[in-house]
Protein backbone atom coordinates (compact mmCIF):
# COMPACT_ATOMS: atom_id res chain seq x y z
CA MET A 1 92.90 96.84 145.95
CA ALA A 2 92.28 94.54 148.91
CA THR A 3 90.56 97.66 150.74
CA ALA A 4 88.31 98.34 147.76
CA VAL A 5 87.06 94.78 146.82
CA THR A 6 85.73 94.48 150.42
CA GLU A 7 84.02 97.52 150.18
CA GLN A 8 82.80 97.12 146.81
CA ASP A 9 82.03 93.17 148.72
CA GLN A 10 79.88 95.48 151.81
CA ASP A 11 77.94 97.62 149.17
CA LYS A 12 77.31 94.18 146.90
CA GLY A 13 76.41 92.51 150.12
CA ALA A 14 73.82 95.27 151.65
CA SER A 15 72.56 95.66 147.48
CA THR A 16 71.91 92.16 147.82
CA ARG A 17 69.67 91.66 150.90
CA PRO A 18 66.48 90.14 150.88
CA ARG A 19 63.94 93.11 150.38
CA ALA A 20 61.72 93.05 153.26
CA GLY A 21 58.97 94.13 151.69
CA ARG A 22 56.38 96.68 150.89
CA GLY A 23 53.75 97.79 153.08
CA ARG A 24 53.94 99.15 156.92
CA GLY A 25 53.06 97.57 160.60
CA ALA A 26 50.61 94.94 160.65
CA LEU A 27 49.77 95.11 156.69
CA ASN A 28 53.13 94.67 155.01
CA PRO A 29 52.76 91.18 153.27
CA ARG A 30 55.84 89.29 155.31
CA TRP A 31 53.62 88.83 158.06
CA PHE A 32 51.11 87.47 156.27
CA GLY A 33 52.95 84.14 156.57
CA PHE A 34 52.99 84.04 160.72
CA TYR A 35 49.20 85.27 160.33
CA ALA A 36 48.42 82.32 157.93
CA LEU A 37 50.16 80.73 160.20
CA VAL A 38 47.97 81.35 163.85
CA ALA A 39 45.19 81.05 161.84
CA ILE A 40 45.60 77.55 160.63
CA VAL A 41 45.74 76.69 164.34
CA VAL A 42 43.18 78.13 165.75
CA LEU A 43 41.15 76.83 162.64
CA PHE A 44 42.03 73.44 163.49
CA SER A 45 42.00 73.85 167.56
CA LEU A 46 38.26 74.63 166.85
CA LEU A 47 37.58 71.88 164.85
CA ARG A 48 39.70 69.49 166.79
CA PRO A 49 39.74 70.77 170.12
CA ASP A 50 40.55 67.51 171.73
CA THR A 51 43.77 66.81 170.11
CA TYR A 52 44.67 69.41 168.14
CA PRO A 53 45.48 72.11 170.62
CA THR A 54 47.25 69.27 172.67
CA MET A 55 51.03 68.57 173.72
CA THR A 56 51.06 65.31 172.91
CA ASN A 57 50.13 67.57 168.71
CA LEU A 58 52.91 69.10 168.91
CA THR A 59 55.49 67.34 169.62
CA ALA A 60 54.57 64.78 167.07
CA ILE A 61 54.50 67.22 164.75
CA LEU A 62 58.10 69.03 165.90
CA SER A 63 59.42 64.84 165.75
CA ASN A 64 57.89 64.77 162.28
CA GLU A 65 58.95 67.85 160.58
CA ALA A 66 62.27 67.84 162.00
CA VAL A 67 63.94 65.82 159.43
CA GLY A 68 62.96 66.94 156.88
CA CYS A 69 63.65 70.57 158.60
CA MET A 70 66.66 70.21 157.83
CA LEU A 71 66.66 68.68 154.41
CA ALA A 72 64.87 71.84 153.51
CA MET A 73 67.82 73.61 155.40
CA ALA A 74 69.79 71.40 152.76
CA LEU A 75 67.91 73.02 149.56
CA PHE A 76 67.91 76.58 151.13
CA VAL A 77 71.96 76.65 151.03
CA PRO A 78 72.81 76.13 147.42
CA LEU A 79 69.82 78.03 145.97
CA VAL A 80 70.58 81.24 148.18
CA ALA A 81 73.88 81.21 145.86
CA GLY A 82 71.47 80.40 142.21
CA HIS A 83 71.59 76.56 142.13
CA TYR A 84 69.24 73.83 142.50
CA ASP A 85 70.19 70.57 144.24
CA LEU A 86 67.67 67.72 143.31
CA SER A 87 70.56 65.12 144.85
CA ILE A 88 69.71 65.44 149.06
CA ALA A 89 66.75 63.41 149.57
CA ASN A 90 68.68 60.46 148.13
CA VAL A 91 71.33 61.47 149.80
CA LEU A 92 69.58 61.07 152.66
CA THR A 93 68.44 57.62 151.43
CA LEU A 94 72.15 56.39 150.80
CA SER A 95 73.65 58.06 154.27
CA MET A 96 70.77 56.08 156.64
CA ILE A 97 71.80 52.27 154.76
CA CYS A 98 75.42 53.50 155.17
CA SER A 99 74.29 54.66 158.70
CA VAL A 100 72.90 50.98 159.75
CA GLY A 101 74.87 49.34 157.05
CA MET A 102 77.69 49.80 159.76
CA PHE A 103 75.56 48.25 162.66
CA GLN A 104 74.09 44.85 160.47
CA GLU A 105 77.43 44.83 158.26
CA PHE A 106 80.65 46.03 160.56
CA GLN A 107 79.54 46.08 163.75
CA ALA A 108 80.73 49.49 163.79
CA PRO A 109 80.41 51.92 166.78
CA ILE A 110 78.25 54.70 167.20
CA TRP A 111 80.57 57.31 166.22
CA VAL A 112 81.39 55.70 163.17
CA ALA A 113 78.19 55.58 161.91
CA VAL A 114 77.15 59.17 162.45
CA VAL A 115 80.73 59.88 161.01
CA VAL A 116 80.83 58.09 157.73
CA PRO A 117 77.08 58.63 156.26
CA VAL A 118 78.34 62.75 156.76
CA LEU A 119 81.66 62.37 154.85
CA VAL A 120 80.29 60.73 152.26
CA GLY A 121 77.12 63.63 151.73
CA ALA A 122 79.61 65.90 151.48
CA LEU A 123 81.78 63.95 149.60
CA ILE A 124 78.40 64.05 146.89
CA GLY A 125 78.31 67.44 147.86
CA LEU A 126 82.19 68.48 146.75
CA ILE A 127 81.00 66.36 142.84
CA ASN A 128 77.80 68.52 142.36
CA GLY A 129 79.99 71.35 143.16
CA VAL A 130 82.96 70.60 141.15
CA ALA A 131 80.65 69.63 138.36
CA VAL A 132 79.04 72.58 138.59
CA THR A 133 81.71 75.41 138.75
CA VAL A 134 84.86 73.48 136.92
CA VAL A 135 82.76 71.12 134.22
CA GLY A 136 79.64 73.71 133.89
CA ILE A 137 77.04 71.23 133.92
CA ASN A 138 74.09 72.42 134.74
CA SER A 139 73.39 72.46 138.97
CA LEU A 140 70.14 70.42 138.06
CA VAL A 141 71.29 67.83 135.84
CA ALA A 142 74.42 67.57 137.80
CA THR A 143 72.70 66.79 140.94
CA LEU A 144 69.94 64.41 139.09
CA ALA A 145 72.57 62.03 138.21
CA THR A 146 74.06 62.31 141.06
CA GLY A 147 71.06 61.65 143.46
CA SER A 148 70.63 58.95 140.95
CA CYS A 149 73.43 57.18 141.79
CA ALA A 150 72.80 57.33 145.05
CA LEU A 151 70.20 56.11 145.49
CA GLY A 152 71.35 53.27 142.90
CA LEU A 153 74.36 52.76 145.65
CA ALA A 154 71.47 52.88 148.72
CA LEU A 155 69.76 49.86 146.49
CA TRP A 156 72.39 47.84 145.83
CA TRP A 157 73.51 48.10 149.36
CA THR A 158 70.39 46.66 150.58
CA ASN A 159 68.90 44.50 147.38
CA GLY A 160 65.82 46.73 147.81
CA THR A 161 65.44 45.83 151.25
CA ILE A 162 65.18 47.37 154.91
CA PHE A 163 68.41 47.19 156.76
CA SER A 164 67.98 46.68 160.89
CA GLU A 165 69.42 44.47 162.19
CA ASN A 166 72.37 44.65 165.38
CA VAL A 167 70.93 48.47 165.42
CA PRO A 168 72.66 49.67 169.51
CA SER A 169 69.44 51.32 171.48
CA GLY A 170 72.21 53.94 172.12
CA PHE A 171 72.19 54.77 168.36
CA GLN A 172 68.40 54.67 168.85
CA ASP A 173 68.83 57.22 171.68
CA LEU A 174 70.03 59.74 169.05
CA GLY A 175 66.21 60.38 168.16
CA GLY A 176 64.38 59.95 171.06
CA ASP A 177 63.27 63.05 173.27
CA LEU A 178 65.23 65.15 176.21
CA GLY A 179 63.02 66.19 178.72
CA GLY A 180 59.84 65.46 176.50
CA ILE A 181 61.29 67.63 173.63
CA PRO A 182 62.17 65.88 170.65
CA LEU A 183 66.04 65.58 169.98
CA PRO A 184 65.91 65.25 166.00
CA ALA A 185 63.46 69.22 166.42
CA VAL A 186 67.00 70.29 168.95
CA TYR A 187 69.45 68.88 166.07
CA ALA A 188 67.13 70.78 164.07
CA ALA A 189 66.88 74.09 166.00
CA VAL A 190 70.43 74.16 166.48
CA LEU A 191 70.89 73.83 162.52
CA ILE A 192 68.81 76.28 161.66
CA VAL A 193 70.06 79.08 164.17
CA VAL A 194 73.99 78.45 162.42
CA LEU A 195 72.51 78.77 159.34
CA TRP A 196 70.39 82.12 160.31
CA TRP A 197 73.89 83.64 161.64
CA ALA A 198 75.31 82.86 158.15
CA SER A 199 72.92 84.25 156.03
CA GLU A 200 72.17 87.58 157.69
CA ARG A 201 75.30 87.95 160.39
CA MET A 202 77.99 86.87 158.12
CA PRO A 203 79.87 88.33 155.35
CA VAL A 204 79.17 84.81 153.43
CA GLY A 205 75.96 85.33 153.96
CA ARG A 206 76.21 88.76 151.85
CA TYR A 207 78.41 87.01 149.73
CA LEU A 208 76.04 83.89 148.00
CA TYR A 209 72.58 86.37 147.96
CA ALA A 210 75.31 88.22 145.56
CA LEU A 211 76.33 85.28 143.80
CA GLY A 212 72.38 84.31 143.73
CA ASP A 213 71.88 87.66 142.19
CA ASN A 214 74.25 87.98 139.89
CA ALA A 215 77.60 85.59 139.51
CA GLU A 216 79.61 87.15 136.80
CA ALA A 217 79.17 90.75 138.97
CA ALA A 218 79.89 88.79 142.24
CA ARG A 219 83.25 87.69 140.64
CA LEU A 220 83.87 91.38 139.60
CA THR A 221 83.94 92.37 142.83
CA GLY A 222 86.46 89.45 144.18
CA ILE A 223 84.34 87.58 145.79
CA PRO A 224 85.70 83.54 145.14
CA VAL A 225 82.73 82.37 143.07
CA THR A 226 84.13 79.04 142.81
CA ARG A 227 84.62 78.70 146.25
CA LEU A 228 81.61 79.39 147.23
CA THR A 229 79.74 77.53 145.00
CA ILE A 230 81.41 73.84 146.14
CA GLY A 231 80.88 75.06 149.10
CA THR A 232 77.71 74.70 149.69
CA PHE A 233 77.31 71.68 148.12
CA VAL A 234 79.62 69.95 149.84
CA VAL A 235 77.42 71.83 152.81
CA SER A 236 73.87 70.56 151.51
CA GLY A 237 75.49 67.62 150.66
CA SER A 238 76.20 67.36 154.85
CA ILE A 239 73.73 68.38 155.96
CA ALA A 240 70.89 66.34 153.82
CA ALA A 241 73.80 62.96 155.50
CA PHE A 242 72.85 63.90 158.80
CA ALA A 243 69.29 63.97 158.61
CA GLY A 244 69.46 60.37 156.73
CA VAL A 245 71.61 59.62 159.96
CA VAL A 246 68.77 61.58 162.40
CA GLN A 247 66.17 59.57 160.16
CA ALA A 248 67.97 56.33 160.23
CA ALA A 249 68.38 56.65 164.40
CA VAL A 250 64.30 58.00 164.83
CA LEU A 251 62.90 54.59 162.83
CA GLY A 252 65.94 52.32 164.38
CA SER A 253 66.34 51.49 160.46
CA GLY A 254 67.58 52.36 156.66
CA ASN A 255 64.79 52.19 154.65
CA PRO A 256 66.30 53.20 150.61
CA GLN A 257 62.40 54.09 149.78
CA VAL A 258 62.00 56.95 152.69
CA GLY A 259 64.20 59.32 151.21
CA PRO A 260 62.38 60.16 147.44
CA SER A 261 59.15 61.32 149.05
CA LEU A 262 60.92 64.31 151.08
CA LEU A 263 62.25 65.85 148.34
CA LEU A 264 58.60 67.68 147.38
CA PRO A 265 57.66 69.47 150.57
CA ALA A 266 61.47 70.73 151.16
CA PHE A 267 60.73 72.19 147.91
CA ALA A 268 57.62 73.65 148.70
CA ALA A 269 58.88 74.47 151.94
CA VAL A 270 62.33 76.75 151.07
CA PHE A 271 59.66 78.70 148.30
CA LEU A 272 57.14 78.99 150.28
CA GLY A 273 59.60 80.74 152.77
CA GLY A 274 60.33 82.72 149.90
CA THR A 275 57.23 85.01 150.57
CA ILE A 276 57.94 85.16 154.19
CA LEU A 277 59.50 87.85 156.60
CA TYR A 278 61.43 88.57 153.11
CA LEU A 279 59.33 88.88 150.18
CA GLY A 280 60.90 87.65 147.13
CA ARG A 281 64.21 85.68 148.88
CA HIS A 282 64.78 82.68 150.01
CA ASN A 283 66.04 82.44 154.09
CA VAL A 284 65.87 80.69 157.07
CA LEU A 285 63.21 82.05 159.17
CA GLY A 286 60.67 82.32 156.31
CA THR A 287 61.54 78.34 155.26
CA VAL A 288 61.05 77.55 158.90
CA VAL A 289 57.67 79.33 158.68
CA ALA A 290 56.80 77.62 155.76
CA VAL A 291 58.14 74.11 157.06
CA LEU A 292 55.36 75.07 160.05
CA VAL A 293 52.17 76.30 157.79
CA LEU A 294 52.32 73.02 155.75
CA ALA A 295 52.91 70.83 158.60
CA ALA A 296 50.25 72.31 160.80
CA LEU A 297 47.61 72.14 157.46
CA VAL A 298 48.01 69.29 156.41
CA GLY A 299 48.39 67.50 160.39
CA GLY A 300 44.74 69.34 161.08
CA LEU A 301 43.15 67.73 157.61
CA GLU A 302 43.99 64.48 158.14
CA GLN A 303 42.51 64.84 161.86
CA LEU A 304 39.52 65.82 159.87
CA GLY A 305 39.83 62.50 158.21
CA VAL A 306 40.89 63.55 154.79
CA PRO A 307 42.38 60.64 152.04
CA PHE A 308 46.09 60.06 152.31
CA TYR A 309 46.62 61.24 148.69
CA VAL A 310 45.87 64.91 149.81
CA SER A 311 48.78 65.86 151.23
CA PRO A 312 51.06 65.64 147.88
CA LEU A 313 48.48 67.51 146.24
CA LEU A 314 48.67 69.92 148.49
CA LYS A 315 52.36 70.40 148.45
CA GLY A 316 52.86 70.72 144.45
CA VAL A 317 50.07 73.02 144.56
CA VAL A 318 51.90 75.20 147.17
CA LEU A 319 55.07 75.39 145.02
CA LEU A 320 53.68 75.68 141.60
CA LEU A 321 52.36 79.53 144.13
CA ALA A 322 54.87 79.85 146.09
CA VAL A 323 57.59 79.58 143.11
CA ALA A 324 54.74 81.73 141.12
CA LEU A 325 55.75 84.88 143.73
CA THR A 326 59.36 84.79 144.03
CA THR A 327 60.43 84.24 140.50
CA GLY A 328 57.64 84.13 137.99
CA ARG A 329 55.25 86.72 136.64
CA PHE A 330 53.37 87.89 139.68
CA SER A 331 56.67 88.60 141.85
CA LYS A 332 57.55 91.11 138.94
CA VAL A 333 53.93 92.07 139.43
CA ARG A 334 54.19 92.14 142.99
CA SER A 335 57.45 94.82 142.68
CA HIS A 336 56.22 96.77 141.27
């Protein structure tokens, strides 16, 4: 029986792998996201040759987008399994407050200020997973509720103020650079490699894609749906919390207003990533390219002097278009 289940799982995993898209060679739509990134970089390099195509600008983009990329990865994990996690941005906020609060309130060592917030994020993820699988609450509702609770705890602890006292330089060094390379970008790169390997090269990746396609069919093939679903939320909460620790190290403080603004860009990146490399399916590399596309575009527009409010407008439009191409009517038209 175990052998039969394994063979079925392999067949199911093969059938649910992300589609590479139609077309051949350079005209395959899977590459359009890469072309867009190159075109954006070339365009703004021509328009702003003194500031855009510079190592300083590249380093700034990598540093600024690393936390957002990690948050997108946190969203990616449960989304592959067919669930949304709206709590990630507020988990990041609570993690920032918890991390800096360890110094301000308890004079804790650095390792405690790193580990405790991640454990808190994992606990919130566990609550999300249990609420979805055991209690049967829709993931949108469950994670919206727990995210609100996380933000409420952060606001209660800080009373709406910024935590910034007693933060040691060693902790802030975690958000610094190594040989000119921003450490947050290094953390994000390691996370990207791990998630890519897990989703593309390990059985758990095939199981999650199968779960996202049809949970009941996945259950019938012997895939542990409940355990995997809870696991995705725990991983999501842990990643979001770690991103909060990194953000706190970068800023040297805990600001309860930082997290919510990162949720929309994370959604835009993950859904736009579903139109890159593997069409119609969320994937790690596509999400990374999407993060870079948005960062390159927004950064270029800012250097041209475009008003600050254009950035959220642009990301909202990108999210609408990406959802239409990945899950809406246009995705069905394109697949024929």
